[in-house]
Amino acid sequence: MQVVDASVFGQVVFDEPQSPAARAVLAGSRVVAPPSLRVELANLVRRLAKAGRWGATRAVAVFDDLCETVDFAPDSDDLGRAALALAIDMDHAAQDCAYLALARMHGLPLYTADAAFARKARAKGHDVRTP
């Protein structure tokens, strides 16, 4: 099991130059993520539909396929409080910190393609890896 944030999925969906490494991370083991990943995945897919790369039917199918690869953690006050504490400590968005909070709760590293977030988290001693 591994915690992977939306930025890694974005590399794959948008077929960015780093997508082979991101695909390898996603194929490594089952992904666990906070419930907010669903909305972030929906937005990634929406951007491709808006750009004309996919119609609505294809966008929904891709969204469904992506969601099937993830075990969504239950939303909880504990996750929210942990994300808030990290966000305050790191002066970073709570949405991103929810992934880090979940990783810490499970004793797992966090995989992110967000270099600035990774630097901040590593500076605070967190196990954050980039594809």
N, C-alpha and C. Protein backbone atom coordinates (compact mmCIF):
# COMPACT_ATOMS: atom_id res chain seq x y z
N MET A 1 0.85 -1.17 0.00
CA MET A 1 0.00 0.00 0.00
C MET A 1 0.89 1.23 0.00
N GLN A 2 0.46 2.28 -0.70
CA GLN A 2 1.21 3.53 -0.75
C GLN A 2 0.25 4.71 -0.89
N VAL A 3 0.69 5.85 -0.37
CA VAL A 3 -0.11 7.07 -0.48
C VAL A 3 0.46 7.89 -1.63
N VAL A 4 -0.41 8.23 -2.57
CA VAL A 4 -0.01 8.95 -3.77
C VAL A 4 -0.97 10.13 -3.94
N ASP A 5 -0.41 11.32 -4.18
CA ASP A 5 -1.30 12.48 -4.32
C ASP A 5 -1.70 12.71 -5.78
N ALA A 6 -2.58 13.66 -5.96
CA ALA A 6 -3.15 13.93 -7.29
C ALA A 6 -2.10 14.37 -8.31
N SER A 7 -1.02 14.98 -7.86
CA SER A 7 0.00 15.45 -8.81
C SER A 7 0.63 14.29 -9.57
N VAL A 8 0.76 13.14 -8.94
CA VAL A 8 1.31 11.96 -9.63
C VAL A 8 0.32 11.45 -10.67
N PHE A 9 -0.96 11.40 -10.30
CA PHE A 9 -1.99 11.02 -11.28
C PHE A 9 -2.00 12.01 -12.44
N GLY A 10 -1.81 13.29 -12.14
CA GLY A 10 -1.78 14.32 -13.18
C GLY A 10 -0.69 14.08 -14.20
N GLN A 11 0.48 13.64 -13.74
CA GLN A 11 1.56 13.35 -14.68
C GLN A 11 1.16 12.27 -15.67
N VAL A 12 0.41 11.28 -15.19
CA VAL A 12 -0.03 10.19 -16.05
C VAL A 12 -1.15 10.66 -16.97
N VAL A 13 -2.16 11.31 -16.42
CA VAL A 13 -3.32 11.74 -17.21
C VAL A 13 -2.90 12.70 -18.32
N PHE A 14 -1.99 13.62 -18.01
CA PHE A 14 -1.56 14.60 -19.00
C PHE A 14 -0.37 14.11 -19.82
N ASP A 15 0.06 12.88 -19.57
CA ASP A 15 1.18 12.27 -20.31
C ASP A 15 2.39 13.20 -20.34
N GLU A 16 2.75 13.68 -19.16
CA GLU A 16 3.90 14.57 -19.03
C GLU A 16 5.20 13.78 -19.17
N PRO A 17 6.32 14.45 -19.35
CA PRO A 17 7.59 13.74 -19.54
C PRO A 17 7.93 12.77 -18.41
N GLN A 18 7.47 13.06 -17.20
CA GLN A 18 7.74 12.19 -16.05
C GLN A 18 6.73 11.06 -15.92
N SER A 19 5.82 10.93 -16.87
CA SER A 19 4.75 9.95 -16.73
C SER A 19 5.23 8.50 -16.60
N PRO A 20 6.32 8.07 -17.25
CA PRO A 20 6.75 6.69 -17.02
C PRO A 20 7.10 6.41 -15.55
N ALA A 21 7.77 7.35 -14.89
CA ALA A 21 8.09 7.16 -13.47
C ALA A 21 6.82 7.20 -12.63
N ALA A 22 5.89 8.08 -12.98
CA ALA A 22 4.62 8.16 -12.24
C ALA A 22 3.82 6.88 -12.42
N ARG A 23 3.81 6.33 -13.64
CA ARG A 23 3.11 5.07 -13.89
C ARG A 23 3.72 3.95 -13.05
N ALA A 24 5.04 3.95 -12.93
CA ALA A 24 5.71 2.92 -12.13
C ALA A 24 5.31 3.03 -10.67
N VAL A 25 5.20 4.24 -10.16
CA VAL A 25 4.76 4.43 -8.77
C VAL A 25 3.35 3.89 -8.60
N LEU A 26 2.45 4.24 -9.51
CA LEU A 26 1.06 3.81 -9.40
C LEU A 26 0.91 2.31 -9.56
N ALA A 27 1.81 1.69 -10.31
CA ALA A 27 1.74 0.25 -10.51
C ALA A 27 2.42 -0.52 -9.37
N GLY A 28 3.14 0.20 -8.51
CA GLY A 28 3.93 -0.44 -7.47
C GLY A 28 3.11 -1.22 -6.46
N SER A 29 2.03 -0.69 -6.01
CA SER A 29 1.13 -1.38 -5.08
C SER A 29 -0.16 -0.59 -4.99
N ARG A 30 -1.08 -1.10 -4.24
CA ARG A 30 -2.39 -0.46 -4.10
C ARG A 30 -2.22 0.93 -3.51
N VAL A 31 -2.96 1.90 -4.05
CA VAL A 31 -2.90 3.29 -3.60
C VAL A 31 -3.99 3.53 -2.58
N VAL A 32 -3.64 4.20 -1.49
CA VAL A 32 -4.62 4.69 -0.53
C VAL A 32 -4.52 6.21 -0.55
N ALA A 33 -5.67 6.87 -0.44
CA ALA A 33 -5.69 8.33 -0.54
C ALA A 33 -6.87 8.88 0.25
N PRO A 34 -6.77 10.16 0.61
CA PRO A 34 -7.92 10.79 1.27
C PRO A 34 -9.09 10.93 0.29
N PRO A 35 -10.31 11.08 0.80
CA PRO A 35 -11.47 11.20 -0.07
C PRO A 35 -11.38 12.36 -1.05
N SER A 36 -10.65 13.40 -0.72
CA SER A 36 -10.52 14.56 -1.60
C SER A 36 -9.88 14.23 -2.94
N LEU A 37 -9.19 13.10 -3.02
CA LEU A 37 -8.59 12.73 -4.31
C LEU A 37 -9.65 12.57 -5.39
N ARG A 38 -10.85 12.10 -5.02
CA ARG A 38 -11.90 11.94 -6.03
C ARG A 38 -12.18 13.25 -6.76
N VAL A 39 -12.29 14.33 -5.99
CA VAL A 39 -12.58 15.64 -6.59
C VAL A 39 -11.39 16.11 -7.42
N GLU A 40 -10.19 15.87 -6.94
CA GLU A 40 -9.01 16.27 -7.71
C GLU A 40 -8.91 15.48 -9.01
N LEU A 41 -9.21 14.18 -8.96
CA LEU A 41 -9.21 13.39 -10.19
C LEU A 41 -10.28 13.88 -11.16
N ALA A 42 -11.45 14.22 -10.63
CA ALA A 42 -12.51 14.74 -11.48
C ALA A 42 -12.05 16.02 -12.18
N ASN A 43 -11.33 16.85 -11.47
CA ASN A 43 -10.86 18.09 -12.08
C ASN A 43 -9.79 17.83 -13.14
N LEU A 44 -8.91 16.89 -12.90
CA LEU A 44 -7.91 16.54 -13.91
C LEU A 44 -8.58 16.09 -15.20
N VAL A 45 -9.56 15.20 -15.06
CA VAL A 45 -10.26 14.68 -16.22
C VAL A 45 -11.09 15.78 -16.90
N ARG A 46 -11.70 16.65 -16.12
CA ARG A 46 -12.47 17.76 -16.67
C ARG A 46 -11.60 18.65 -17.55
N ARG A 47 -10.36 18.88 -17.12
CA ARG A 47 -9.46 19.74 -17.91
C ARG A 47 -9.19 19.14 -19.28
N LEU A 48 -9.06 17.82 -19.36
CA LEU A 48 -8.85 17.19 -20.66
C LEU A 48 -10.12 17.22 -21.51
N ALA A 49 -11.26 17.07 -20.88
CA ALA A 49 -12.52 17.18 -21.62
C ALA A 49 -12.69 18.60 -22.15
N LYS A 50 -12.39 19.58 -21.31
CA LYS A 50 -12.51 20.99 -21.73
C LYS A 50 -11.56 21.30 -22.90
N ALA A 51 -10.37 20.69 -22.88
CA ALA A 51 -9.40 20.92 -23.95
C ALA A 51 -9.79 20.20 -25.24
N GLY A 52 -10.87 19.42 -25.19
CA GLY A 52 -11.33 18.74 -26.39
C GLY A 52 -10.67 17.40 -26.63
N ARG A 53 -9.86 16.94 -25.71
CA ARG A 53 -9.18 15.65 -25.90
C ARG A 53 -10.14 14.49 -25.68
N TRP A 54 -11.14 14.68 -24.79
CA TRP A 54 -12.11 13.63 -24.51
C TRP A 54 -13.49 14.22 -24.49
N GLY A 55 -14.47 13.43 -24.88
CA GLY A 55 -15.86 13.80 -24.68
C GLY A 55 -16.27 13.44 -23.26
N ALA A 56 -17.49 13.79 -22.90
CA ALA A 56 -17.97 13.55 -21.53
C ALA A 56 -18.00 12.07 -21.19
N THR A 57 -18.40 11.24 -22.13
CA THR A 57 -18.48 9.80 -21.86
C THR A 57 -17.10 9.22 -21.56
N ARG A 58 -16.12 9.60 -22.37
CA ARG A 58 -14.74 9.13 -22.15
C ARG A 58 -14.21 9.68 -20.83
N ALA A 59 -14.49 10.92 -20.51
CA ALA A 59 -14.01 11.52 -19.26
C ALA A 59 -14.55 10.76 -18.06
N VAL A 60 -15.83 10.42 -18.10
CA VAL A 60 -16.42 9.66 -16.98
C VAL A 60 -15.78 8.28 -16.88
N ALA A 61 -15.53 7.64 -18.01
CA ALA A 61 -14.91 6.32 -17.99
C ALA A 61 -13.50 6.37 -17.42
N VAL A 62 -12.73 7.38 -17.81
CA VAL A 62 -11.37 7.53 -17.29
C VAL A 62 -11.42 7.81 -15.78
N PHE A 63 -12.32 8.69 -15.37
CA PHE A 63 -12.49 8.97 -13.94
C PHE A 63 -12.80 7.69 -13.18
N ASP A 64 -13.75 6.91 -13.67
CA ASP A 64 -14.11 5.66 -13.01
C ASP A 64 -12.91 4.71 -12.93
N ASP A 65 -12.16 4.60 -14.03
CA ASP A 65 -10.99 3.72 -14.04
C ASP A 65 -9.94 4.17 -13.02
N LEU A 66 -9.71 5.47 -12.95
CA LEU A 66 -8.74 5.98 -11.98
C LEU A 66 -9.20 5.70 -10.55
N CYS A 67 -10.46 5.94 -10.28
CA CYS A 67 -10.98 5.72 -8.92
C CYS A 67 -10.91 4.26 -8.51
N GLU A 68 -11.02 3.35 -9.47
CA GLU A 68 -10.94 1.92 -9.15
C GLU A 68 -9.55 1.51 -8.68
N THR A 69 -8.54 2.31 -8.98
CA THR A 69 -7.18 1.96 -8.57
C THR A 69 -6.85 2.44 -7.16
N VAL A 70 -7.80 3.08 -6.50
CA VAL A 70 -7.54 3.72 -5.21
C VAL A 70 -8.44 3.16 -4.12
N ASP A 71 -7.86 2.93 -2.95
CA ASP A 71 -8.64 2.66 -1.75
C ASP A 71 -8.77 4.01 -1.04
N PHE A 72 -9.96 4.54 -1.01
CA PHE A 72 -10.18 5.84 -0.38
C PHE A 72 -10.35 5.66 1.12
N ALA A 73 -9.52 6.37 1.86
CA ALA A 73 -9.62 6.33 3.32
C ALA A 73 -10.91 7.03 3.73
N PRO A 74 -11.49 6.61 4.83
CA PRO A 74 -12.70 7.30 5.29
C PRO A 74 -12.35 8.71 5.75
N ASP A 75 -13.26 9.62 5.49
CA ASP A 75 -13.08 10.98 6.00
C ASP A 75 -13.28 10.95 7.51
N SER A 76 -12.46 11.68 8.22
CA SER A 76 -12.59 11.66 9.68
C SER A 76 -12.07 12.97 10.26
N ASP A 77 -12.52 13.25 11.47
CA ASP A 77 -12.01 14.42 12.18
C ASP A 77 -10.51 14.28 12.43
N ASP A 78 -10.06 13.05 12.71
CA ASP A 78 -8.63 12.83 12.96
C ASP A 78 -7.79 13.20 11.74
N LEU A 79 -8.24 12.79 10.55
CA LEU A 79 -7.52 13.13 9.33
C LEU A 79 -7.53 14.64 9.12
N GLY A 80 -8.66 15.26 9.33
CA GLY A 80 -8.75 16.72 9.16
C GLY A 80 -7.85 17.46 10.14
N ARG A 81 -7.84 17.04 11.39
CA ARG A 81 -6.99 17.70 12.38
C ARG A 81 -5.51 17.50 12.07
N ALA A 82 -5.16 16.29 11.66
CA ALA A 82 -3.76 16.02 11.31
C ALA A 82 -3.32 16.85 10.10
N ALA A 83 -4.20 16.97 9.11
CA ALA A 83 -3.90 17.79 7.94
C ALA A 83 -3.74 19.25 8.34
N LEU A 84 -4.61 19.72 9.21
CA LEU A 84 -4.53 21.11 9.67
C LEU A 84 -3.23 21.36 10.42
N ALA A 85 -2.86 20.46 11.30
CA ALA A 85 -1.61 20.62 12.06
C ALA A 85 -0.41 20.69 11.13
N LEU A 86 -0.38 19.82 10.13
CA LEU A 86 0.73 19.84 9.17
C LEU A 86 0.70 21.12 8.33
N ALA A 87 -0.49 21.54 7.93
CA ALA A 87 -0.62 22.75 7.11
C ALA A 87 -0.11 23.98 7.86
N ILE A 88 -0.44 24.06 9.13
CA ILE A 88 0.04 25.18 9.94
C ILE A 88 1.55 25.09 10.12
N ASP A 89 2.04 23.91 10.47
CA ASP A 89 3.47 23.73 10.70
C ASP A 89 4.30 24.01 9.45
N MET A 90 3.79 23.60 8.30
CA MET A 90 4.56 23.74 7.06
C MET A 90 4.18 24.98 6.25
N ASP A 91 3.15 25.70 6.69
CA ASP A 91 2.62 26.83 5.93
C ASP A 91 2.33 26.41 4.49
N HIS A 92 1.47 25.39 4.40
CA HIS A 92 1.14 24.82 3.09
C HIS A 92 -0.34 24.47 3.08
N ALA A 93 -0.90 24.30 1.91
CA ALA A 93 -2.33 24.00 1.74
C ALA A 93 -2.74 22.72 2.47
N ALA A 94 -3.83 22.81 3.20
CA ALA A 94 -4.33 21.66 3.95
C ALA A 94 -4.71 20.50 3.02
N GLN A 95 -5.18 20.81 1.81
CA GLN A 95 -5.55 19.75 0.87
C GLN A 95 -4.35 18.85 0.59
N ASP A 96 -3.20 19.44 0.35
CA ASP A 96 -2.00 18.65 0.11
C ASP A 96 -1.56 17.93 1.38
N CYS A 97 -1.68 18.61 2.49
CA CYS A 97 -1.24 18.04 3.77
C CYS A 97 -2.10 16.85 4.19
N ALA A 98 -3.32 16.74 3.66
CA ALA A 98 -4.16 15.58 3.97
C ALA A 98 -3.50 14.29 3.49
N TYR A 99 -2.84 14.34 2.35
CA TYR A 99 -2.12 13.17 1.85
C TYR A 99 -0.97 12.80 2.79
N LEU A 100 -0.23 13.81 3.22
CA LEU A 100 0.89 13.57 4.14
C LEU A 100 0.37 13.05 5.47
N ALA A 101 -0.73 13.60 5.96
CA ALA A 101 -1.31 13.14 7.22
C ALA A 101 -1.71 11.67 7.11
N LEU A 102 -2.33 11.31 6.00
CA LEU A 102 -2.74 9.93 5.80
C LEU A 102 -1.52 9.01 5.73
N ALA A 103 -0.50 9.44 5.02
CA ALA A 103 0.73 8.63 4.93
C ALA A 103 1.31 8.40 6.33
N ARG A 104 1.37 9.46 7.12
CA ARG A 104 1.91 9.34 8.47
C ARG A 104 1.04 8.42 9.34
N MET A 105 -0.27 8.50 9.19
CA MET A 105 -1.18 7.63 9.96
C MET A 105 -0.94 6.16 9.66
N HIS A 106 -0.54 5.86 8.41
CA HIS A 106 -0.31 4.48 8.00
C HIS A 106 1.17 4.08 8.05
N GLY A 107 2.03 5.00 8.44
CA GLY A 107 3.46 4.70 8.47
C GLY A 107 4.06 4.48 7.10
N LEU A 108 3.54 5.22 6.12
CA LEU A 108 3.97 5.07 4.73
C LEU A 108 4.59 6.37 4.22
N PRO A 109 5.42 6.27 3.17
CA PRO A 109 5.88 7.50 2.53
C PRO A 109 4.76 8.09 1.69
N LEU A 110 4.89 9.35 1.37
CA LEU A 110 3.97 10.02 0.45
C LEU A 110 4.70 10.20 -0.87
N TYR A 111 4.02 9.86 -1.96
CA TYR A 111 4.55 10.12 -3.30
C TYR A 111 3.84 11.35 -3.86
N THR A 112 4.62 12.32 -4.29
CA THR A 112 4.08 13.54 -4.88
C THR A 112 4.99 14.00 -6.01
N ALA A 113 4.40 14.64 -7.00
CA ALA A 113 5.17 15.26 -8.07
C ALA A 113 5.32 16.76 -7.83
N ASP A 114 4.79 17.23 -6.72
CA ASP A 114 4.86 18.64 -6.35
C ASP A 114 6.20 18.90 -5.64
N ALA A 115 7.16 19.41 -6.39
CA ALA A 115 8.52 19.57 -5.87
C ALA A 115 8.58 20.53 -4.67
N ALA A 116 7.82 21.62 -4.72
CA ALA A 116 7.84 22.58 -3.61
C ALA A 116 7.29 21.95 -2.33
N PHE A 117 6.19 21.22 -2.46
CA PHE A 117 5.61 20.54 -1.31
C PHE A 117 6.58 19.49 -0.77
N ALA A 118 7.19 18.72 -1.66
CA ALA A 118 8.15 17.69 -1.24
C ALA A 118 9.31 18.32 -0.46
N ARG A 119 9.83 19.45 -0.94
CA ARG A 119 10.94 20.12 -0.23
C ARG A 119 10.51 20.56 1.17
N LYS A 120 9.35 21.19 1.26
CA LYS A 120 8.85 21.64 2.57
C LYS A 120 8.69 20.46 3.53
N ALA A 121 8.08 19.39 3.05
CA ALA A 121 7.83 18.24 3.90
C ALA A 121 9.13 17.56 4.33
N ARG A 122 10.05 17.41 3.40
CA ARG A 122 11.34 16.79 3.75
C ARG A 122 12.09 17.65 4.76
N ALA A 123 12.01 18.96 4.61
CA ALA A 123 12.68 19.86 5.55
C ALA A 123 12.16 19.68 6.97
N LYS A 124 10.92 19.20 7.09
CA LYS A 124 10.31 18.94 8.40
C LYS A 124 10.50 17.49 8.84
N GLY A 125 11.26 16.72 8.04
CA GLY A 125 11.58 15.34 8.41
C GLY A 125 10.59 14.29 7.96
N HIS A 126 9.68 14.62 7.04
CA HIS A 126 8.69 13.67 6.57
C HIS A 126 9.24 12.85 5.40
N ASP A 127 8.80 11.63 5.30
CA ASP A 127 9.21 10.72 4.22
C ASP A 127 8.35 11.00 2.99
N VAL A 128 8.86 11.84 2.11
CA VAL A 128 8.15 12.22 0.89
C VAL A 128 9.05 11.90 -0.29
N ARG A 129 8.48 11.23 -1.26
CA ARG A 129 9.25 10.79 -2.44
C ARG A 129 8.61 11.33 -3.71
N THR A 130 9.44 11.51 -4.71
CA THR A 130 8.95 11.97 -6.00
C THR A 130 9.20 10.90 -7.04
N PRO A 131 8.29 10.78 -8.00
CA PRO A 131 8.50 9.76 -9.06
C PRO A 131 9.68 10.13 -9.94
